[in-house]
Amino acid sequence: MSETLFPHVKWDNMWEATIETLYMTGVSTIYTFIFGIILGVILFLSSPGQLWKNQFIYGITGAFVNIFRSIPFIILIILLIPFTTLLVGTIRGPEAAIPALVIGAAPFYARMVMIGLREIDKGVIEAARSMGAKTSTIIFKVLLPESMPALISGITVTAIALVGYTAMAGVIGAGGLGNLAYYEGFQRSRSDVMIVATVIILIIVFAIQIIGDFAVKKLDKR
């Protein structure tokens, strides 16, 4: 039946491409979550009226975030080729796509982290400060736990964007479903390959959204 509907689809290759897409999305999401929170916390704490209140640090971090989240991803990949080659040793394959994926997504997520932290009741932070809590304690015991539903919601949106980024990265040889859809589907006029690859990408996106919504519902105590 599948051979009749999808005559050009090689299921072994499709499965391998799916694993590559999941690998790129999963690894880059983890790194984006870590670096995005670091950047977001720095932005929040160094902003006017906050614990660190440093205009220089806030300006530099804000400029970095604004620049890299504004560059179209396909251009960013090309700009980062020398850095990727230095870091990974190649510009092809799933591993080579991860630096660009993280650098492209972490600044975007950092802004979402900052927005989530700003939603925390200032009274909670002031109460912790009045009890003599250290900055590290405030970060890990107040800021991050209180904003966790927003952080998870943000990383869900970012992970879905990363799925799309992996498809673009695939066009220049990073592997995954984007690579398969472009080279095996589009360039060879095999619409069935493109359709199957697209459907799998949609399934991945829906799965991420469902997991993210479930996690936010469990964490949100309001």
C-alpha atoms as a PDB file:
ATOM      1  CA  MET A   1       0.000   0.000   0.000  1.00  0.00           C
ATOM      2  CA  SER A   2       2.755   2.467   0.994  1.00  0.00           C
ATOM      3  CA  GLU A   3       4.677   1.635  -2.176  1.00  0.00           C
ATOM      4  CA  THR A   4       1.649   2.645  -4.226  1.00  0.00           C
ATOM      5  CA  LEU A   5       0.971   5.896  -2.365  1.00  0.00           C
ATOM      6  CA  PHE A   6       4.608   6.850  -1.807  1.00  0.00           C
ATOM      7  CA  PRO A   7       6.622   5.145  -4.557  1.00  0.00           C
ATOM      8  CA  HIS A   8       9.773   7.222  -4.054  1.00  0.00           C
ATOM      9  CA  VAL A   9       9.891   7.160  -0.260  1.00  0.00           C
ATOM     10  CA  LYS A  10      12.724   5.074   1.163  1.00  0.00           C
ATOM     11  CA  TRP A  11      11.545   4.461   4.692  1.00  0.00           C
ATOM     12  CA  ASP A  12      14.991   3.630   6.058  1.00  0.00           C
ATOM     13  CA  ASN A  13      16.252   7.011   4.847  1.00  0.00           C
ATOM     14  CA  MET A  14      13.128   8.732   6.173  1.00  0.00           C
ATOM     15  CA  TRP A  15      13.615   7.160   9.599  1.00  0.00           C
ATOM     16  CA  GLU A  16      17.296   8.143   9.659  1.00  0.00           C
ATOM     17  CA  ALA A  17      16.384  11.723   8.695  1.00  0.00           C
ATOM     18  CA  THR A  18      13.751  11.809  11.442  1.00  0.00           C
ATOM     19  CA  ILE A  19      16.309  10.696  14.039  1.00  0.00           C
ATOM     20  CA  GLU A  20      18.708  13.395  12.824  1.00  0.00           C
ATOM     21  CA  THR A  21      15.998  16.053  13.115  1.00  0.00           C
ATOM     22  CA  LEU A  22      15.076  14.870  16.622  1.00  0.00           C
ATOM     23  CA  TYR A  23      18.760  14.854  17.590  1.00  0.00           C
ATOM     24  CA  MET A  24      19.390  18.386  16.312  1.00  0.00           C
ATOM     25  CA  THR A  25      16.194  19.695  17.904  1.00  0.00           C
ATOM     26  CA  GLY A  26      16.744  17.937  21.232  1.00  0.00           C
ATOM     27  CA  VAL A  27      20.403  18.855  21.732  1.00  0.00           C
ATOM     28  CA  SER A  28      19.988  22.444  20.561  1.00  0.00           C
ATOM     29  CA  THR A  29      16.907  22.884  22.778  1.00  0.00           C
ATOM     30  CA  ILE A  30      18.864  21.780  25.856  1.00  0.00           C
ATOM     31  CA  TYR A  31      21.727  24.189  25.129  1.00  0.00           C
ATOM     32  CA  THR A  32      19.281  26.961  24.221  1.00  0.00           C
ATOM     33  CA  PHE A  33      17.458  26.452  27.524  1.00  0.00           C
ATOM     34  CA  ILE A  34      20.725  26.750  29.481  1.00  0.00           C
ATOM     35  CA  PHE A  35      22.277  29.683  27.624  1.00  0.00           C
ATOM     36  CA  GLY A  36      18.930  31.435  27.182  1.00  0.00           C
ATOM     37  CA  ILE A  37      18.280  31.370  30.932  1.00  0.00           C
ATOM     38  CA  ILE A  38      21.790  32.664  31.647  1.00  0.00           C
ATOM     39  CA  LEU A  39      21.365  35.541  29.195  1.00  0.00           C
ATOM     40  CA  GLY A  40      17.819  36.253  30.354  1.00  0.00           C
ATOM     41  CA  VAL A  41      18.803  36.336  34.035  1.00  0.00           C
ATOM     42  CA  ILE A  42      21.721  38.661  33.284  1.00  0.00           C
ATOM     43  CA  LEU A  43      19.423  40.941  31.291  1.00  0.00           C
ATOM     44  CA  PHE A  44      16.857  40.979  34.086  1.00  0.00           C
ATOM     45  CA  LEU A  45      19.245  41.495  37.003  1.00  0.00           C
ATOM     46  CA  SER A  46      21.319  44.183  35.247  1.00  0.00           C
ATOM     47  CA  SER A  47      18.263  46.150  34.066  1.00  0.00           C
ATOM     48  CA  PRO A  48      17.317  49.429  35.801  1.00  0.00           C
ATOM     49  CA  GLY A  49      15.898  48.937  39.285  1.00  0.00           C
ATOM     50  CA  GLN A  50      17.086  45.341  39.702  1.00  0.00           C
ATOM     51  CA  LEU A  51      19.685  43.676  41.956  1.00  0.00           C
ATOM     52  CA  TRP A  52      22.754  44.187  39.752  1.00  0.00           C
ATOM     53  CA  LYS A  53      21.576  47.377  37.990  1.00  0.00           C
ATOM     54  CA  ASN A  54      24.468  47.875  35.565  1.00  0.00           C
ATOM     55  CA  GLN A  55      23.787  49.895  32.430  1.00  0.00           C
ATOM     56  CA  PHE A  56      26.979  48.714  30.703  1.00  0.00           C
ATOM     57  CA  ILE A  57      26.312  44.988  31.197  1.00  0.00           C
ATOM     58  CA  TYR A  58      22.651  45.476  30.355  1.00  0.00           C
ATOM     59  CA  GLY A  59      23.548  47.359  27.166  1.00  0.00           C
ATOM     60  CA  ILE A  60      26.151  44.846  25.990  1.00  0.00           C
ATOM     61  CA  THR A  61      23.967  41.807  26.729  1.00  0.00           C
ATOM     62  CA  GLY A  62      20.929  43.477  25.197  1.00  0.00           C
ATOM     63  CA  ALA A  63      22.876  44.373  22.049  1.00  0.00           C
ATOM     64  CA  PHE A  64      24.135  40.784  21.687  1.00  0.00           C
ATOM     65  CA  VAL A  65      20.628  39.400  22.097  1.00  0.00           C
ATOM     66  CA  ASN A  66      19.058  41.897  19.702  1.00  0.00           C
ATOM     67  CA  ILE A  67      21.682  41.389  16.993  1.00  0.00           C
ATOM     68  CA  PHE A  68      21.651  37.599  16.910  1.00  0.00           C
ATOM     69  CA  ARG A  69      17.893  37.204  17.212  1.00  0.00           C
ATOM     70  CA  SER A  70      17.434  39.622  14.309  1.00  0.00           C
ATOM     71  CA  ILE A  71      19.673  37.852  11.780  1.00  0.00           C
ATOM     72  CA  PRO A  72      17.703  35.508   9.470  1.00  0.00           C
ATOM     73  CA  PHE A  73      18.706  31.946  10.355  1.00  0.00           C
ATOM     74  CA  ILE A  74      19.792  30.916   6.855  1.00  0.00           C
ATOM     75  CA  ILE A  75      22.204  33.890   6.779  1.00  0.00           C
ATOM     76  CA  LEU A  76      23.396  33.138  10.316  1.00  0.00           C
ATOM     77  CA  ILE A  77      24.381  29.604   9.318  1.00  0.00           C
ATOM     78  CA  ILE A  78      26.550  30.971   6.503  1.00  0.00           C
ATOM     79  CA  LEU A  79      28.114  33.659   8.717  1.00  0.00           C
ATOM     80  CA  LEU A  80      28.989  31.021  11.336  1.00  0.00           C
ATOM     81  CA  ILE A  81      30.696  28.613   8.903  1.00  0.00           C
ATOM     82  CA  PRO A  82      34.240  29.554  10.083  1.00  0.00           C
ATOM     83  CA  PHE A  83      33.197  29.258  13.745  1.00  0.00           C
ATOM     84  CA  THR A  84      31.405  25.957  13.110  1.00  0.00           C
ATOM     85  CA  THR A  85      34.429  24.550  11.265  1.00  0.00           C
ATOM     86  CA  LEU A  86      36.693  25.573  14.155  1.00  0.00           C
ATOM     87  CA  LEU A  87      34.362  24.110  16.762  1.00  0.00           C
ATOM     88  CA  VAL A  88      33.154  20.915  15.079  1.00  0.00           C
ATOM     89  CA  GLY A  89      35.670  20.393  12.271  1.00  0.00           C
ATOM     90  CA  THR A  90      33.041  20.232   9.517  1.00  0.00           C
ATOM     91  CA  ILE A  91      30.087  22.166   8.137  1.00  0.00           C
ATOM     92  CA  ARG A  92      28.061  19.079   7.209  1.00  0.00           C
ATOM     93  CA  GLY A  93      25.985  16.752   9.357  1.00  0.00           C
ATOM     94  CA  PRO A  94      23.717  17.227  12.378  1.00  0.00           C
ATOM     95  CA  GLU A  95      26.560  18.156  14.747  1.00  0.00           C
ATOM     96  CA  ALA A  96      27.623  21.021  12.483  1.00  0.00           C
ATOM     97  CA  ALA A  97      24.142  22.566  12.659  1.00  0.00           C
ATOM     98  CA  ILE A  98      23.964  22.711  16.451  1.00  0.00           C
ATOM     99  CA  PRO A  99      26.204  25.799  17.029  1.00  0.00           C
ATOM    100  CA  ALA A 100      24.136  27.878  14.605  1.00  0.00           C
ATOM    101  CA  LEU A 101      20.872  26.509  16.034  1.00  0.00           C
ATOM    102  CA  VAL A 102      21.861  27.471  19.581  1.00  0.00           C
ATOM    103  CA  ILE A 103      23.279  30.885  18.660  1.00  0.00           C
ATOM    104  CA  GLY A 104      20.161  31.607  16.625  1.00  0.00           C
ATOM    105  CA  ALA A 105      17.658  30.458  19.258  1.00  0.00           C
ATOM    106  CA  ALA A 106      19.253  31.320  22.631  1.00  0.00           C
ATOM    107  CA  PRO A 107      18.929  35.127  22.221  1.00  0.00           C
ATOM    108  CA  PHE A 108      15.294  34.704  21.166  1.00  0.00           C
ATOM    109  CA  TYR A 109      14.623  32.578  24.244  1.00  0.00           C
ATOM    110  CA  ALA A 110      16.590  34.983  26.480  1.00  0.00           C
ATOM    111  CA  ARG A 111      14.044  37.719  25.767  1.00  0.00           C
ATOM    112  CA  MET A 112      11.228  35.348  26.690  1.00  0.00           C
ATOM    113  CA  VAL A 113      13.057  34.491  29.923  1.00  0.00           C
ATOM    114  CA  MET A 114      13.379  38.181  30.753  1.00  0.00           C
ATOM    115  CA  ILE A 115       9.668  38.728  30.124  1.00  0.00           C
ATOM    116  CA  GLY A 116       8.849  35.766  32.389  1.00  0.00           C
ATOM    117  CA  LEU A 117      11.066  37.113  35.179  1.00  0.00           C
ATOM    118  CA  ARG A 118       9.469  40.545  34.954  1.00  0.00           C
ATOM    119  CA  GLU A 119       6.083  38.990  35.662  1.00  0.00           C
ATOM    120  CA  ILE A 120       7.216  37.874  39.119  1.00  0.00           C
ATOM    121  CA  ASP A 121       5.699  39.873  41.972  1.00  0.00           C
ATOM    122  CA  LYS A 122       8.367  42.339  43.162  1.00  0.00           C
ATOM    123  CA  GLY A 123       7.174  41.795  46.711  1.00  0.00           C
ATOM    124  CA  VAL A 124       8.446  38.207  46.619  1.00  0.00           C
ATOM    125  CA  ILE A 125      11.919  39.360  45.562  1.00  0.00           C
ATOM    126  CA  GLU A 126      11.972  42.154  48.150  1.00  0.00           C
ATOM    127  CA  ALA A 127      10.921  39.711  50.863  1.00  0.00           C
ATOM    128  CA  ALA A 128      13.841  37.436  49.999  1.00  0.00           C
ATOM    129  CA  ARG A 129      16.241  40.396  50.021  1.00  0.00           C
ATOM    130  CA  SER A 130      14.954  41.623  53.389  1.00  0.00           C
ATOM    131  CA  MET A 131      15.698  38.200  54.886  1.00  0.00           C
ATOM    132  CA  GLY A 132      19.308  38.521  53.739  1.00  0.00           C
ATOM    133  CA  ALA A 133      19.144  36.035  50.865  1.00  0.00           C
ATOM    134  CA  LYS A 134      22.174  36.043  48.576  1.00  0.00           C
ATOM    135  CA  THR A 135      21.767  36.820  44.891  1.00  0.00           C
ATOM    136  CA  SER A 136      22.387  33.162  43.997  1.00  0.00           C
ATOM    137  CA  THR A 137      19.667  32.119  46.448  1.00  0.00           C
ATOM    138  CA  ILE A 138      17.240  34.641  44.967  1.00  0.00           C
ATOM    139  CA  ILE A 139      17.993  33.334  41.461  1.00  0.00           C
ATOM    140  CA  PHE A 140      17.623  29.624  42.229  1.00  0.00           C
ATOM    141  CA  LYS A 141      15.024  29.750  45.011  1.00  0.00           C
ATOM    142  CA  VAL A 142      12.835  32.648  43.864  1.00  0.00           C
ATOM    143  CA  LEU A 143      13.291  33.820  40.279  1.00  0.00           C
ATOM    144  CA  LEU A 144      13.575  30.506  38.441  1.00  0.00           C
ATOM    145  CA  PRO A 145      10.946  28.553  40.443  1.00  0.00           C
ATOM    146  CA  GLU A 146       8.420  31.412  40.318  1.00  0.00           C
ATOM    147  CA  SER A 147       8.859  31.891  36.563  1.00  0.00           C
ATOM    148  CA  MET A 148       9.105  28.200  35.621  1.00  0.00           C
ATOM    149  CA  PRO A 149       5.695  27.967  33.860  1.00  0.00           C
ATOM    150  CA  ALA A 150       6.672  30.936  31.666  1.00  0.00           C
ATOM    151  CA  LEU A 151      10.134  29.451  31.067  1.00  0.00           C
ATOM    152  CA  ILE A 152       8.667  26.118  29.963  1.00  0.00           C
ATOM    153  CA  SER A 153       6.102  27.846  27.767  1.00  0.00           C
ATOM    154  CA  GLY A 154       8.901  29.873  26.195  1.00  0.00           C
ATOM    155  CA  ILE A 155      11.175  26.900  25.553  1.00  0.00           C
ATOM    156  CA  THR A 156       8.223  25.080  23.967  1.00  0.00           C
ATOM    157  CA  VAL A 157       7.772  27.907  21.470  1.00  0.00           C
ATOM    158  CA  THR A 158      11.541  28.020  20.909  1.00  0.00           C
ATOM    159  CA  ALA A 159      11.800  24.249  20.375  1.00  0.00           C
ATOM    160  CA  ILE A 160       9.094  24.444  17.720  1.00  0.00           C
ATOM    161  CA  ALA A 161      11.041  27.250  16.025  1.00  0.00           C
ATOM    162  CA  LEU A 162      14.156  25.046  16.204  1.00  0.00           C
ATOM    163  CA  VAL A 163      12.358  22.303  14.272  1.00  0.00           C
ATOM    164  CA  GLY A 164      11.891  24.830  11.479  1.00  0.00           C
ATOM    165  CA  TYR A 165      15.523  25.916  11.786  1.00  0.00           C
ATOM    166  CA  THR A 166      16.693  22.304  11.379  1.00  0.00           C
ATOM    167  CA  ALA A 167      14.753  22.107   8.116  1.00  0.00           C
ATOM    168  CA  MET A 168      16.574  25.206   6.853  1.00  0.00           C
ATOM    169  CA  ALA A 169      19.898  23.837   8.073  1.00  0.00           C
ATOM    170  CA  GLY A 170      19.186  20.645   6.141  1.00  0.00           C
ATOM    171  CA  VAL A 171      19.134  22.577   2.876  1.00  0.00           C
ATOM    172  CA  ILE A 172      22.853  23.320   3.249  1.00  0.00           C
ATOM    173  CA  GLY A 173      23.795  19.779   4.225  1.00  0.00           C
ATOM    174  CA  ALA A 174      23.044  19.427   7.927  1.00  0.00           C
ATOM    175  CA  GLY A 175      20.943  16.320   7.367  1.00  0.00           C
ATOM    176  CA  GLY A 176      17.507  15.658   8.772  1.00  0.00           C
ATOM    177  CA  LEU A 177      14.084  15.904   7.208  1.00  0.00           C
ATOM    178  CA  GLY A 178      14.788  19.283   5.618  1.00  0.00           C
ATOM    179  CA  ASN A 179      17.774  17.848   3.782  1.00  0.00           C
ATOM    180  CA  LEU A 180      15.772  14.837   2.611  1.00  0.00           C
ATOM    181  CA  ALA A 181      12.791  16.924   1.508  1.00  0.00           C
ATOM    182  CA  TYR A 182      14.990  19.301  -0.486  1.00  0.00           C
ATOM    183  CA  TYR A 183      17.481  16.968  -2.142  1.00  0.00           C
ATOM    184  CA  GLU A 184      15.407  13.797  -2.482  1.00  0.00           C
ATOM    185  CA  GLY A 185      12.046  15.510  -2.861  1.00  0.00           C
ATOM    186  CA  PHE A 186      12.231  18.973  -4.393  1.00  0.00           C
ATOM    187  CA  GLN A 187      15.300  18.617  -6.597  1.00  0.00           C
ATOM    188  CA  ARG A 188      14.107  15.296  -8.004  1.00  0.00           C
ATOM    189  CA  SER A 189      10.458  16.378  -8.277  1.00  0.00           C
ATOM    190  CA  ARG A 190       9.313  13.682  -5.863  1.00  0.00           C
ATOM    191  CA  SER A 191       6.331  15.246  -4.152  1.00  0.00           C
ATOM    192  CA  ASP A 192       5.595  12.147  -2.073  1.00  0.00           C
ATOM    193  CA  VAL A 193       8.975  12.486  -0.313  1.00  0.00           C
ATOM    194  CA  MET A 194       8.256  16.143   0.490  1.00  0.00           C
ATOM    195  CA  ILE A 195       4.761  15.325   1.755  1.00  0.00           C
ATOM    196  CA  VAL A 196       5.906  12.538   4.076  1.00  0.00           C
ATOM    197  CA  ALA A 197       8.794  14.644   5.421  1.00  0.00           C
ATOM    198  CA  THR A 198       6.406  17.553   6.048  1.00  0.00           C
ATOM    199  CA  VAL A 199       3.890  15.344   7.838  1.00  0.00           C
ATOM    200  CA  ILE A 200       6.602  13.960  10.127  1.00  0.00           C
ATOM    201  CA  ILE A 201       7.789  17.489  10.920  1.00  0.00           C
ATOM    202  CA  LEU A 202       4.198  18.450  11.798  1.00  0.00           C
ATOM    203  CA  ILE A 203       3.900  15.422  14.081  1.00  0.00           C
ATOM    204  CA  ILE A 204       7.121  16.453  15.871  1.00  0.00           C
ATOM    205  CA  VAL A 205       5.808  20.006  16.294  1.00  0.00           C
ATOM    206  CA  PHE A 206       2.451  18.801  17.653  1.00  0.00           C
ATOM    207  CA  ALA A 207       4.232  16.439  20.068  1.00  0.00           C
ATOM    208  CA  ILE A 208       6.445  19.241  21.395  1.00  0.00           C
ATOM    209  CA  GLN A 209       3.422  21.501  21.887  1.00  0.00           C
ATOM    210  CA  ILE A 210       1.445  18.815  23.725  1.00  0.00           C
ATOM    211  CA  ILE A 211       4.378  17.989  26.033  1.00  0.00           C
ATOM    212  CA  GLY A 212       5.020  21.686  26.685  1.00  0.00           C
ATOM    213  CA  ASP A 213       1.361  22.429  27.462  1.00  0.00           C
ATOM    214  CA  PHE A 214       1.222  19.435  29.824  1.00  0.00           C
ATOM    215  CA  ALA A 215       4.380  20.565  31.663  1.00  0.00           C
ATOM    216  CA  VAL A 216       3.116  24.149  32.017  1.00  0.00           C
ATOM    217  CA  LYS A 217      -0.234  22.910  33.375  1.00  0.00           C
ATOM    218  CA  LYS A 218       1.557  20.778  35.982  1.00  0.00           C
ATOM    219  CA  LEU A 219       3.907  23.587  37.047  1.00  0.00           C
ATOM    220  CA  ASP A 220       1.406  26.440  37.102  1.00  0.00           C
ATOM    221  CA  LYS A 221       0.050  26.622  40.644  1.00  0.00           C
ATOM    222  CA  ARG A 222      -2.126  29.685  40.069  1.00  0.00           C
END
